[in-house]
Amino acid sequence: MLKCSLSREYIKDMNIDLFFSSKNFPGLISNEGFGYAPSGIIFDVRLSTLTLEFAPRDKEFAEPFEMNVAVSDDFAPMLVETEMILLGVMDKQELSKAWILPMGILEDDGDFAYAIDTIRMNPARDGLREMVFFLKDAEKGQPVHREHIAQGGSIKPVTEKQDLKEIALTKTAERGLKQEARNAPTSPANRVAPPVPQPKK
């Protein structure tokens, strides 16, 4: 039997920002890790909010993490049109981990089970290479979670001290990036840039 475990110990000071590339591909940046491996993101069209789903760990699982800042009307249509999203974790202004996650879209009259099935049919995968190139191209965005917003918390960007294009990697992430590069296809295109998923047409 799986035991439900809240991940509040990991997210007590968590802030998350949503960015878009020049081609409107989305990516999330968090200033804290999660303790559980992310498995996907659900976008609730009616509420215009994002929820992070987690994969079980041993015999425990984390409850979904609902972000508390609504996506603006300018950005919501872009999320509806995408099937994948990047998620990166910062450690003291350095990128420490990143994933490519499936997106489940919960329409106004949609079926939540269908959104969850969409995530389960498309496993998350490491995305450090994609995130590095994404950050160099990210040009617009907004906050989507502020842990202390109810107490008048700050809305400063997660990456306030650094230009997105200048973000460095932790030593662990650098090793992970080298491993991803070794495992990647060796075509000339992939030596220049990884195949970042594009919004569906």
N, C-alpha and C. Protein backbone atom coordinates (compact mmCIF):
# COMPACT_ATOMS: atom_id res chain seq x y z
N MET A 1 0.84 -1.20 0.00
CA MET A 1 0.00 0.00 0.00
C MET A 1 0.87 1.25 0.00
N LEU A 2 0.60 2.19 -0.89
CA LEU A 2 1.36 3.42 -0.95
C LEU A 2 0.96 4.34 0.19
N LYS A 3 1.95 4.98 0.76
CA LYS A 3 1.72 5.93 1.84
C LYS A 3 1.83 7.34 1.30
N CYS A 4 0.86 8.17 1.59
CA CYS A 4 0.88 9.55 1.12
C CYS A 4 1.78 10.39 2.02
N SER A 5 2.67 11.11 1.39
CA SER A 5 3.60 11.95 2.14
C SER A 5 3.61 13.35 1.56
N LEU A 6 3.21 14.33 2.34
CA LEU A 6 3.27 15.70 1.88
C LEU A 6 4.72 16.15 1.75
N SER A 7 4.99 16.93 0.74
CA SER A 7 6.37 17.36 0.50
C SER A 7 6.63 18.76 1.04
N ARG A 8 5.89 19.21 2.05
CA ARG A 8 6.05 20.57 2.55
C ARG A 8 7.45 20.83 3.09
N GLU A 9 8.11 19.80 3.60
CA GLU A 9 9.46 20.01 4.11
C GLU A 9 10.41 20.44 3.01
N TYR A 10 10.07 20.13 1.78
CA TYR A 10 10.94 20.47 0.67
C TYR A 10 10.55 21.81 0.03
N ILE A 11 9.36 22.28 0.27
CA ILE A 11 8.86 23.42 -0.49
C ILE A 11 8.46 24.59 0.40
N LYS A 12 8.97 24.64 1.63
CA LYS A 12 8.52 25.68 2.56
C LYS A 12 8.88 27.09 2.10
N ASP A 13 9.92 27.24 1.30
CA ASP A 13 10.31 28.56 0.82
C ASP A 13 10.36 28.60 -0.71
N MET A 14 9.54 27.81 -1.34
CA MET A 14 9.63 27.64 -2.79
C MET A 14 8.99 28.79 -3.57
N ASN A 15 9.71 29.25 -4.58
CA ASN A 15 9.19 30.20 -5.55
C ASN A 15 9.44 29.63 -6.93
N ILE A 16 8.48 29.80 -7.84
CA ILE A 16 8.59 29.24 -9.19
C ILE A 16 8.18 30.30 -10.20
N ASP A 17 8.97 30.42 -11.27
CA ASP A 17 8.66 31.34 -12.36
C ASP A 17 8.44 30.55 -13.65
N LEU A 18 7.57 31.09 -14.49
CA LEU A 18 7.29 30.53 -15.82
C LEU A 18 7.89 31.45 -16.87
N PHE A 19 8.63 30.84 -17.80
CA PHE A 19 9.23 31.61 -18.90
C PHE A 19 8.82 31.00 -20.24
N PHE A 20 8.95 31.80 -21.29
CA PHE A 20 8.70 31.32 -22.65
C PHE A 20 9.86 31.71 -23.54
N SER A 21 10.19 30.82 -24.47
CA SER A 21 11.24 31.10 -25.44
C SER A 21 10.68 31.98 -26.56
N SER A 22 11.54 32.34 -27.49
CA SER A 22 11.12 33.16 -28.63
C SER A 22 10.10 32.42 -29.50
N LYS A 23 10.08 31.08 -29.39
CA LYS A 23 9.11 30.27 -30.15
C LYS A 23 7.94 29.83 -29.27
N ASN A 24 7.82 30.48 -28.10
CA ASN A 24 6.70 30.24 -27.18
C ASN A 24 6.71 28.86 -26.54
N PHE A 25 7.91 28.25 -26.43
CA PHE A 25 8.00 27.01 -25.66
C PHE A 25 8.16 27.37 -24.19
N PRO A 26 7.43 26.68 -23.27
CA PRO A 26 7.45 27.06 -21.85
C PRO A 26 8.50 26.33 -21.03
N GLY A 27 8.95 27.01 -19.99
CA GLY A 27 9.87 26.41 -19.03
C GLY A 27 9.64 27.01 -17.66
N LEU A 28 9.77 26.18 -16.64
CA LEU A 28 9.61 26.61 -15.25
C LEU A 28 10.96 26.60 -14.53
N ILE A 29 11.19 27.59 -13.68
CA ILE A 29 12.40 27.64 -12.86
C ILE A 29 11.98 27.75 -11.39
N SER A 30 12.47 26.82 -10.56
CA SER A 30 12.18 26.82 -9.13
C SER A 30 13.46 27.09 -8.35
N ASN A 31 13.31 27.77 -7.22
CA ASN A 31 14.48 28.04 -6.38
C ASN A 31 14.71 26.96 -5.34
N GLU A 32 13.89 25.91 -5.36
CA GLU A 32 14.02 24.80 -4.41
C GLU A 32 13.79 23.47 -5.11
N GLY A 33 14.42 22.41 -4.57
CA GLY A 33 14.15 21.07 -5.07
C GLY A 33 12.88 20.51 -4.46
N PHE A 34 12.53 19.28 -4.85
CA PHE A 34 11.22 18.76 -4.46
C PHE A 34 11.26 17.51 -3.58
N GLY A 35 12.37 16.79 -3.54
CA GLY A 35 12.42 15.57 -2.76
C GLY A 35 11.87 14.36 -3.49
N TYR A 36 10.89 14.58 -4.36
CA TYR A 36 10.33 13.53 -5.21
C TYR A 36 10.57 13.92 -6.66
N ALA A 37 10.70 12.93 -7.51
CA ALA A 37 10.96 13.20 -8.93
C ALA A 37 9.68 13.70 -9.60
N PRO A 38 9.73 14.86 -10.26
CA PRO A 38 8.55 15.35 -10.99
C PRO A 38 8.18 14.40 -12.12
N SER A 39 6.88 14.23 -12.35
CA SER A 39 6.44 13.33 -13.43
C SER A 39 5.65 14.07 -14.50
N GLY A 40 5.15 15.27 -14.21
CA GLY A 40 4.39 16.01 -15.21
C GLY A 40 3.73 17.24 -14.63
N ILE A 41 3.16 18.04 -15.50
CA ILE A 41 2.46 19.26 -15.12
C ILE A 41 1.04 19.23 -15.68
N ILE A 42 0.07 19.61 -14.85
CA ILE A 42 -1.31 19.77 -15.32
C ILE A 42 -1.65 21.26 -15.35
N PHE A 43 -2.18 21.71 -16.48
CA PHE A 43 -2.65 23.08 -16.60
C PHE A 43 -4.16 23.09 -16.58
N ASP A 44 -4.73 23.70 -15.54
CA ASP A 44 -6.18 23.82 -15.39
C ASP A 44 -6.63 25.07 -16.14
N VAL A 45 -7.30 24.89 -17.25
CA VAL A 45 -7.68 26.02 -18.10
C VAL A 45 -8.68 26.93 -17.40
N ARG A 46 -9.60 26.35 -16.64
CA ARG A 46 -10.64 27.16 -15.97
C ARG A 46 -10.02 28.07 -14.91
N LEU A 47 -9.11 27.54 -14.10
CA LEU A 47 -8.49 28.32 -13.04
C LEU A 47 -7.21 29.02 -13.51
N SER A 48 -6.70 28.59 -14.66
CA SER A 48 -5.45 29.12 -15.21
C SER A 48 -4.29 28.91 -14.24
N THR A 49 -4.25 27.71 -13.64
CA THR A 49 -3.19 27.39 -12.68
C THR A 49 -2.46 26.11 -13.09
N LEU A 50 -1.24 25.98 -12.58
CA LEU A 50 -0.39 24.82 -12.86
C LEU A 50 -0.27 23.95 -11.62
N THR A 51 -0.26 22.63 -11.83
CA THR A 51 -0.07 21.67 -10.74
C THR A 51 1.03 20.70 -11.13
N LEU A 52 1.99 20.53 -10.23
CA LEU A 52 3.10 19.62 -10.47
C LEU A 52 2.78 18.26 -9.88
N GLU A 53 2.89 17.22 -10.70
CA GLU A 53 2.68 15.84 -10.27
C GLU A 53 4.04 15.19 -10.03
N PHE A 54 4.07 14.23 -9.07
CA PHE A 54 5.31 13.54 -8.72
C PHE A 54 5.21 12.04 -8.94
N ALA A 55 6.35 11.43 -9.21
CA ALA A 55 6.42 9.97 -9.31
C ALA A 55 6.56 9.38 -7.91
N PRO A 56 5.98 8.21 -7.66
CA PRO A 56 6.14 7.57 -6.34
C PRO A 56 7.62 7.29 -6.05
N ARG A 57 7.96 7.29 -4.77
CA ARG A 57 9.32 6.96 -4.33
C ARG A 57 9.22 5.87 -3.29
N ASP A 58 9.77 4.70 -3.62
CA ASP A 58 9.64 3.52 -2.77
C ASP A 58 8.15 3.24 -2.53
N LYS A 59 7.69 3.30 -1.29
CA LYS A 59 6.29 3.05 -0.99
C LYS A 59 5.56 4.34 -0.59
N GLU A 60 6.14 5.47 -0.93
CA GLU A 60 5.52 6.74 -0.61
C GLU A 60 5.31 7.57 -1.87
N PHE A 61 4.36 8.49 -1.81
CA PHE A 61 4.19 9.42 -2.92
C PHE A 61 3.84 10.79 -2.36
N ALA A 62 4.16 11.80 -3.09
CA ALA A 62 3.87 13.17 -2.69
C ALA A 62 2.56 13.62 -3.31
N GLU A 63 1.79 14.35 -2.56
CA GLU A 63 0.57 14.94 -3.13
C GLU A 63 0.95 15.95 -4.21
N PRO A 64 0.08 16.13 -5.19
CA PRO A 64 0.35 17.14 -6.23
C PRO A 64 0.60 18.51 -5.62
N PHE A 65 1.49 19.25 -6.23
CA PHE A 65 1.84 20.58 -5.73
C PHE A 65 1.15 21.63 -6.60
N GLU A 66 0.15 22.30 -6.01
CA GLU A 66 -0.62 23.31 -6.75
C GLU A 66 0.04 24.68 -6.61
N MET A 67 0.40 25.27 -7.73
CA MET A 67 1.01 26.60 -7.73
C MET A 67 -0.08 27.66 -7.52
N ASN A 68 0.28 28.73 -6.83
CA ASN A 68 -0.76 29.64 -6.32
C ASN A 68 -0.89 30.98 -7.04
N VAL A 69 -0.18 31.15 -8.16
CA VAL A 69 -0.34 32.38 -8.94
C VAL A 69 -0.88 32.00 -10.32
N ALA A 70 -2.01 32.57 -10.70
CA ALA A 70 -2.64 32.22 -11.98
C ALA A 70 -1.78 32.67 -13.17
N VAL A 71 -1.80 31.87 -14.21
CA VAL A 71 -1.13 32.23 -15.46
C VAL A 71 -1.94 33.32 -16.14
N SER A 72 -1.27 34.34 -16.63
CA SER A 72 -1.96 35.48 -17.23
C SER A 72 -2.66 35.09 -18.53
N ASP A 73 -3.61 35.92 -18.92
CA ASP A 73 -4.35 35.68 -20.16
C ASP A 73 -3.42 35.73 -21.38
N ASP A 74 -2.31 36.44 -21.26
CA ASP A 74 -1.37 36.50 -22.38
C ASP A 74 -0.66 35.18 -22.60
N PHE A 75 -0.38 34.45 -21.51
CA PHE A 75 0.42 33.23 -21.60
C PHE A 75 -0.40 31.94 -21.61
N ALA A 76 -1.62 31.98 -21.07
CA ALA A 76 -2.43 30.76 -20.97
C ALA A 76 -2.63 30.07 -22.32
N PRO A 77 -2.94 30.80 -23.41
CA PRO A 77 -3.13 30.12 -24.70
C PRO A 77 -1.88 29.37 -25.17
N MET A 78 -0.70 29.85 -24.80
CA MET A 78 0.53 29.18 -25.20
C MET A 78 0.65 27.83 -24.49
N LEU A 79 0.23 27.77 -23.24
CA LEU A 79 0.31 26.51 -22.50
C LEU A 79 -0.67 25.48 -23.05
N VAL A 80 -1.84 25.94 -23.44
CA VAL A 80 -2.84 25.02 -24.00
C VAL A 80 -2.32 24.36 -25.26
N GLU A 81 -1.43 25.06 -25.98
CA GLU A 81 -0.94 24.57 -27.26
C GLU A 81 0.37 23.78 -27.16
N THR A 82 0.79 23.43 -25.97
CA THR A 82 2.03 22.68 -25.84
C THR A 82 1.80 21.32 -25.18
N GLU A 83 2.65 20.38 -25.49
CA GLU A 83 2.54 19.03 -24.94
C GLU A 83 3.65 18.72 -23.95
N MET A 84 4.70 19.55 -23.92
CA MET A 84 5.83 19.34 -23.03
C MET A 84 6.22 20.67 -22.41
N ILE A 85 6.89 20.59 -21.25
CA ILE A 85 7.37 21.79 -20.57
C ILE A 85 8.66 21.45 -19.85
N LEU A 86 9.58 22.39 -19.79
CA LEU A 86 10.83 22.20 -19.06
C LEU A 86 10.66 22.64 -17.61
N LEU A 87 11.36 21.97 -16.72
CA LEU A 87 11.38 22.36 -15.31
C LEU A 87 12.82 22.31 -14.82
N GLY A 88 13.30 23.44 -14.30
CA GLY A 88 14.65 23.50 -13.77
C GLY A 88 14.66 23.90 -12.31
N VAL A 89 15.65 23.42 -11.57
CA VAL A 89 15.80 23.75 -10.15
C VAL A 89 17.10 24.50 -9.95
N MET A 90 17.01 25.64 -9.24
CA MET A 90 18.18 26.45 -8.95
C MET A 90 18.72 26.12 -7.57
N ASP A 91 20.03 26.20 -7.42
CA ASP A 91 20.70 26.04 -6.14
C ASP A 91 21.66 27.23 -5.99
N LYS A 92 21.23 28.22 -5.21
CA LYS A 92 22.04 29.42 -5.02
C LYS A 92 22.42 30.07 -6.35
N GLN A 93 21.41 30.27 -7.17
CA GLN A 93 21.54 30.94 -8.46
C GLN A 93 22.31 30.13 -9.50
N GLU A 94 22.48 28.83 -9.26
CA GLU A 94 23.06 27.93 -10.25
C GLU A 94 22.05 26.84 -10.58
N LEU A 95 21.98 26.44 -11.84
CA LEU A 95 21.07 25.38 -12.26
C LEU A 95 21.60 24.03 -11.79
N SER A 96 20.79 23.29 -11.04
CA SER A 96 21.26 22.03 -10.46
C SER A 96 20.61 20.80 -11.10
N LYS A 97 19.41 20.96 -11.65
CA LYS A 97 18.69 19.81 -12.21
C LYS A 97 17.63 20.32 -13.16
N ALA A 98 17.29 19.52 -14.17
CA ALA A 98 16.22 19.92 -15.10
C ALA A 98 15.59 18.68 -15.72
N TRP A 99 14.32 18.80 -16.03
CA TRP A 99 13.56 17.72 -16.65
C TRP A 99 12.74 18.25 -17.82
N ILE A 100 12.42 17.36 -18.74
CA ILE A 100 11.38 17.61 -19.75
C ILE A 100 10.15 16.85 -19.28
N LEU A 101 9.07 17.57 -19.02
CA LEU A 101 7.87 16.97 -18.44
C LEU A 101 6.70 17.02 -19.42
N PRO A 102 5.86 15.98 -19.40
CA PRO A 102 4.64 16.03 -20.21
C PRO A 102 3.62 16.99 -19.59
N MET A 103 2.80 17.60 -20.44
CA MET A 103 1.75 18.51 -20.00
C MET A 103 0.39 17.84 -20.17
N GLY A 104 -0.40 17.84 -19.11
CA GLY A 104 -1.78 17.41 -19.19
C GLY A 104 -2.68 18.62 -19.12
N ILE A 105 -3.56 18.78 -20.10
CA ILE A 105 -4.44 19.96 -20.15
C ILE A 105 -5.82 19.59 -19.62
N LEU A 106 -6.24 20.28 -18.56
CA LEU A 106 -7.57 20.08 -17.99
C LEU A 106 -8.47 21.19 -18.50
N GLU A 107 -9.29 20.87 -19.49
CA GLU A 107 -10.19 21.86 -20.10
C GLU A 107 -11.32 22.22 -19.13
N ASP A 108 -12.10 23.25 -19.52
CA ASP A 108 -13.21 23.69 -18.68
C ASP A 108 -14.14 22.54 -18.29
N ASP A 109 -14.43 21.69 -19.26
CA ASP A 109 -15.32 20.56 -19.00
C ASP A 109 -14.55 19.25 -19.12
N GLY A 110 -13.25 19.32 -18.89
CA GLY A 110 -12.38 18.17 -19.13
C GLY A 110 -12.41 17.12 -18.04
N ASP A 111 -11.79 16.00 -18.36
CA ASP A 111 -11.71 14.86 -17.46
C ASP A 111 -10.33 14.86 -16.81
N PHE A 112 -10.29 14.96 -15.47
CA PHE A 112 -9.01 14.99 -14.76
C PHE A 112 -8.23 13.70 -14.99
N ALA A 113 -8.93 12.58 -15.05
CA ALA A 113 -8.26 11.30 -15.27
C ALA A 113 -7.55 11.28 -16.63
N TYR A 114 -8.16 11.93 -17.62
CA TYR A 114 -7.54 11.99 -18.95
C TYR A 114 -6.24 12.79 -18.89
N ALA A 115 -6.26 13.91 -18.15
CA ALA A 115 -5.05 14.72 -18.01
C ALA A 115 -3.94 13.93 -17.33
N ILE A 116 -4.29 13.17 -16.30
CA ILE A 116 -3.31 12.33 -15.60
C ILE A 116 -2.78 11.24 -16.53
N ASP A 117 -3.67 10.62 -17.29
CA ASP A 117 -3.24 9.57 -18.23
C ASP A 117 -2.27 10.11 -19.27
N THR A 118 -2.49 11.35 -19.70
CA THR A 118 -1.58 11.98 -20.65
C THR A 118 -0.17 12.04 -20.09
N ILE A 119 -0.05 12.35 -18.80
CA ILE A 119 1.25 12.40 -18.14
C ILE A 119 1.85 11.01 -18.03
N ARG A 120 1.05 10.04 -17.62
CA ARG A 120 1.57 8.68 -17.41
C ARG A 120 2.04 8.03 -18.70
N MET A 121 1.45 8.42 -19.83
CA MET A 121 1.83 7.82 -21.11
C MET A 121 3.08 8.45 -21.71
N ASN A 122 3.56 9.54 -21.09
CA ASN A 122 4.73 10.25 -21.62
C ASN A 122 5.70 10.50 -20.47
N PRO A 123 6.57 9.56 -20.18
CA PRO A 123 7.45 9.68 -19.01
C PRO A 123 8.35 10.92 -19.07
N ALA A 124 8.59 11.49 -17.90
CA ALA A 124 9.53 12.61 -17.78
C ALA A 124 10.94 12.10 -18.08
N ARG A 125 11.79 13.02 -18.53
CA ARG A 125 13.19 12.64 -18.78
C ARG A 125 14.11 13.82 -18.45
N ASP A 126 15.38 13.51 -18.26
CA ASP A 126 16.34 14.55 -17.94
C ASP A 126 16.38 15.59 -19.05
N GLY A 127 16.56 16.87 -18.65
CA GLY A 127 16.51 17.93 -19.65
C GLY A 127 17.52 19.04 -19.41
N LEU A 128 18.69 18.71 -18.86
CA LEU A 128 19.68 19.76 -18.61
C LEU A 128 20.12 20.44 -19.90
N ARG A 129 20.41 19.65 -20.93
CA ARG A 129 20.87 20.23 -22.19
C ARG A 129 19.81 21.16 -22.77
N GLU A 130 18.56 20.69 -22.76
CA GLU A 130 17.47 21.50 -23.30
C GLU A 130 17.27 22.77 -22.48
N MET A 131 17.39 22.65 -21.14
CA MET A 131 17.18 23.82 -20.29
C MET A 131 18.26 24.87 -20.50
N VAL A 132 19.51 24.44 -20.68
CA VAL A 132 20.60 25.39 -20.91
C VAL A 132 20.33 26.22 -22.17
N PHE A 133 19.92 25.57 -23.24
CA PHE A 133 19.63 26.29 -24.48
C PHE A 133 18.34 27.11 -24.35
N PHE A 134 17.37 26.59 -23.61
CA PHE A 134 16.13 27.32 -23.39
C PHE A 134 16.39 28.65 -22.68
N LEU A 135 17.20 28.63 -21.64
CA LEU A 135 17.46 29.84 -20.87
C LEU A 135 18.12 30.92 -21.71
N LYS A 136 18.92 30.51 -22.66
CA LYS A 136 19.58 31.49 -23.53
C LYS A 136 18.59 32.16 -24.47
N ASP A 137 17.42 31.53 -24.63
CA ASP A 137 16.42 32.05 -25.57
C ASP A 137 15.17 32.57 -24.87
N ALA A 138 15.07 32.37 -23.54
CA ALA A 138 13.87 32.81 -22.81
C ALA A 138 13.78 34.33 -22.84
N GLU A 139 12.59 34.85 -23.15
CA GLU A 139 12.46 36.29 -23.31
C GLU A 139 11.26 36.91 -22.61
N LYS A 140 10.38 36.11 -22.03
CA LYS A 140 9.22 36.66 -21.33
C LYS A 140 8.73 35.66 -20.30
N GLY A 141 8.00 36.15 -19.29
CA GLY A 141 7.53 35.23 -18.28
C GLY A 141 6.81 35.92 -17.13
N GLN A 142 6.51 35.13 -16.07
CA GLN A 142 5.78 35.63 -14.91
C GLN A 142 5.98 34.66 -13.75
N PRO A 143 5.72 35.09 -12.51
CA PRO A 143 5.71 34.15 -11.39
C PRO A 143 4.47 33.26 -11.45
N VAL A 144 4.61 32.01 -11.03
CA VAL A 144 3.45 31.11 -10.94
C VAL A 144 3.31 30.51 -9.54
N HIS A 145 4.31 30.72 -8.68
CA HIS A 145 4.16 30.31 -7.28
C HIS A 145 5.04 31.17 -6.39
N ARG A 146 4.43 31.67 -5.32
CA ARG A 146 5.15 32.37 -4.27
C ARG A 146 4.66 31.83 -2.94
N GLU A 147 5.54 31.19 -2.19
CA GLU A 147 5.16 30.48 -0.98
C GLU A 147 4.55 31.40 0.07
N HIS A 148 5.03 32.64 0.16
CA HIS A 148 4.55 33.54 1.22
C HIS A 148 3.71 34.68 0.66
N ILE A 149 3.05 34.45 -0.45
CA ILE A 149 2.30 35.53 -1.09
C ILE A 149 1.13 36.00 -0.22
N ALA A 150 0.54 35.10 0.57
CA ALA A 150 -0.60 35.47 1.42
C ALA A 150 -0.17 36.43 2.53
N GLN A 151 1.11 36.40 2.89
CA GLN A 151 1.62 37.30 3.93
C GLN A 151 2.31 38.52 3.32
N GLY A 152 1.98 38.80 2.05
CA GLY A 152 2.60 39.95 1.39
C GLY A 152 4.01 39.66 0.95
N GLY A 153 4.28 38.40 0.63
CA GLY A 153 5.62 38.00 0.22
C GLY A 153 6.06 38.66 -1.07
N SER A 154 7.36 38.56 -1.33
CA SER A 154 7.96 39.20 -2.49
C SER A 154 7.56 38.52 -3.79
N ILE A 155 7.49 39.32 -4.86
CA ILE A 155 7.25 38.79 -6.20
C ILE A 155 8.51 38.96 -7.04
N LYS A 156 9.66 39.07 -6.39
CA LYS A 156 10.91 39.19 -7.13
C LYS A 156 11.17 37.91 -7.92
N PRO A 157 11.79 38.02 -9.10
CA PRO A 157 12.06 36.82 -9.90
C PRO A 157 12.98 35.85 -9.17
N VAL A 158 12.80 34.56 -9.45
CA VAL A 158 13.66 33.53 -8.87
C VAL A 158 15.11 33.79 -9.24
N THR A 159 15.33 34.30 -10.45
CA THR A 159 16.68 34.55 -10.94
C THR A 159 17.04 36.03 -10.88
N GLU A 160 16.57 36.72 -9.84
CA GLU A 160 16.71 38.18 -9.78
C GLU A 160 18.16 38.66 -9.83
N LYS A 161 19.11 37.88 -9.35
CA LYS A 161 20.50 38.32 -9.28
C LYS A 161 21.30 37.99 -10.53
N GLN A 162 20.66 37.39 -11.51
CA GLN A 162 21.42 36.92 -12.65
C GLN A 162 20.58 36.93 -13.92
N ASP A 163 21.20 37.31 -15.02
CA ASP A 163 20.56 37.21 -16.33
C ASP A 163 20.37 35.73 -16.66
N LEU A 164 19.20 35.39 -17.20
CA LEU A 164 18.94 33.99 -17.55
C LEU A 164 20.02 33.42 -18.45
N LYS A 165 20.52 34.23 -19.36
CA LYS A 165 21.51 33.77 -20.32
C LYS A 165 22.87 33.50 -19.67
N GLU A 166 23.05 34.00 -18.44
CA GLU A 166 24.34 33.87 -17.77
C GLU A 166 24.32 32.83 -16.65
N ILE A 167 23.22 32.12 -16.47
CA ILE A 167 23.12 31.18 -15.36
C ILE A 167 24.12 30.04 -15.52
N ALA A 168 24.84 29.78 -14.43
CA ALA A 168 25.83 28.71 -14.42
C ALA A 168 25.21 27.43 -13.87
N LEU A 169 25.95 26.32 -14.01
CA LEU A 169 25.51 25.03 -13.51
C LEU A 169 26.29 24.66 -12.26
N THR A 170 25.65 23.92 -11.36
CA THR A 170 26.38 23.36 -10.23
C THR A 170 27.35 22.31 -10.75
N LYS A 171 28.32 21.92 -9.92
CA LYS A 171 29.29 20.90 -10.33
C LYS A 171 28.58 19.59 -10.68
N THR A 172 27.55 19.24 -9.89
CA THR A 172 26.80 18.02 -10.17
C THR A 172 26.07 18.12 -11.50
N ALA A 173 25.49 19.29 -11.77
CA ALA A 173 24.78 19.48 -13.04
C ALA A 173 25.75 19.45 -14.22
N GLU A 174 26.95 19.98 -14.03
CA GLU A 174 27.94 19.94 -15.11
C GLU A 174 28.28 18.50 -15.47
N ARG A 175 28.41 17.65 -14.45
CA ARG A 175 28.69 16.23 -14.71
C ARG A 175 27.49 15.57 -15.39
N GLY A 176 26.28 15.95 -14.94
CA GLY A 176 25.08 15.41 -15.57
C GLY A 176 24.94 15.83 -17.01
N LEU A 177 25.32 17.08 -17.29
CA LEU A 177 25.25 17.59 -18.66
C LEU A 177 26.21 16.84 -19.57
N LYS A 178 27.41 16.55 -19.08
CA LYS A 178 28.38 15.79 -19.86
C LYS A 178 27.86 14.38 -20.14
N GLN A 179 27.20 13.79 -19.13
CA GLN A 179 26.64 12.45 -19.32
C GLN A 179 25.52 12.47 -20.34
N GLU A 180 24.65 13.49 -20.28
CA GLU A 180 23.58 13.61 -21.27
C GLU A 180 24.16 13.76 -22.67
N ALA A 181 25.25 14.55 -22.79
CA ALA A 181 25.87 14.75 -24.09
C ALA A 181 26.44 13.45 -24.64
N ARG A 182 27.02 12.65 -23.74
CA ARG A 182 27.57 11.36 -24.19
C ARG A 182 26.47 10.42 -24.66
N ASN A 183 25.30 10.52 -24.04
CA ASN A 183 24.20 9.63 -24.39
C ASN A 183 23.37 10.14 -25.56
N ALA A 184 23.60 11.39 -25.98
CA ALA A 184 22.79 12.00 -27.03
C ALA A 184 23.25 11.51 -28.40
N PRO A 185 22.37 11.58 -29.42
CA PRO A 185 22.76 11.26 -30.80
C PRO A 185 23.92 12.15 -31.23
N THR A 186 24.74 11.65 -32.12
CA THR A 186 25.96 12.37 -32.51
C THR A 186 25.82 13.10 -33.84
N SER A 187 24.59 13.41 -34.25
CA SER A 187 24.40 14.15 -35.49
C SER A 187 24.94 15.57 -35.35
N PRO A 188 25.33 16.22 -36.44
CA PRO A 188 25.82 17.60 -36.37
C PRO A 188 24.83 18.55 -35.71
N ALA A 189 23.52 18.32 -35.94
CA ALA A 189 22.51 19.22 -35.35
C ALA A 189 22.56 19.16 -33.83
N ASN A 190 22.73 17.96 -33.27
CA ASN A 190 22.74 17.82 -31.83
C ASN A 190 24.04 18.30 -31.20
N ARG A 191 25.09 18.44 -31.99
CA ARG A 191 26.32 19.01 -31.45
C ARG A 191 26.19 20.53 -31.31
N VAL A 192 25.25 21.11 -32.02
CA VAL A 192 25.03 22.55 -31.94
C VAL A 192 23.99 22.88 -30.87
N ALA A 193 22.88 22.17 -30.88
CA ALA A 193 21.82 22.41 -29.89
C ALA A 193 20.96 21.17 -29.79
N PRO A 194 20.45 20.88 -28.59
CA PRO A 194 19.58 19.71 -28.41
C PRO A 194 18.21 19.95 -29.02
N PRO A 195 17.47 18.88 -29.31
CA PRO A 195 16.14 19.04 -29.93
C PRO A 195 15.09 19.42 -28.90
N VAL A 196 14.99 20.69 -28.59
CA VAL A 196 13.98 21.15 -27.63
C VAL A 196 12.60 20.95 -28.23
N PRO A 197 11.69 20.29 -27.48
CA PRO A 197 10.32 20.09 -28.00
C PRO A 197 9.67 21.41 -28.34
N GLN A 198 8.85 21.43 -29.37
CA GLN A 198 8.17 22.64 -29.81
C GLN A 198 6.67 22.55 -29.51
N PRO A 199 6.00 23.67 -29.34
CA PRO A 199 4.55 23.64 -29.14
C PRO A 199 3.85 22.98 -30.31
N LYS A 200 2.80 22.25 -30.00
CA LYS A 200 2.06 21.59 -31.07
C LYS A 200 1.35 22.63 -31.92
N LYS A 201 1.15 22.32 -33.18
CA LYS A 201 0.52 23.26 -34.11
C LYS A 201 -0.97 22.97 -34.26
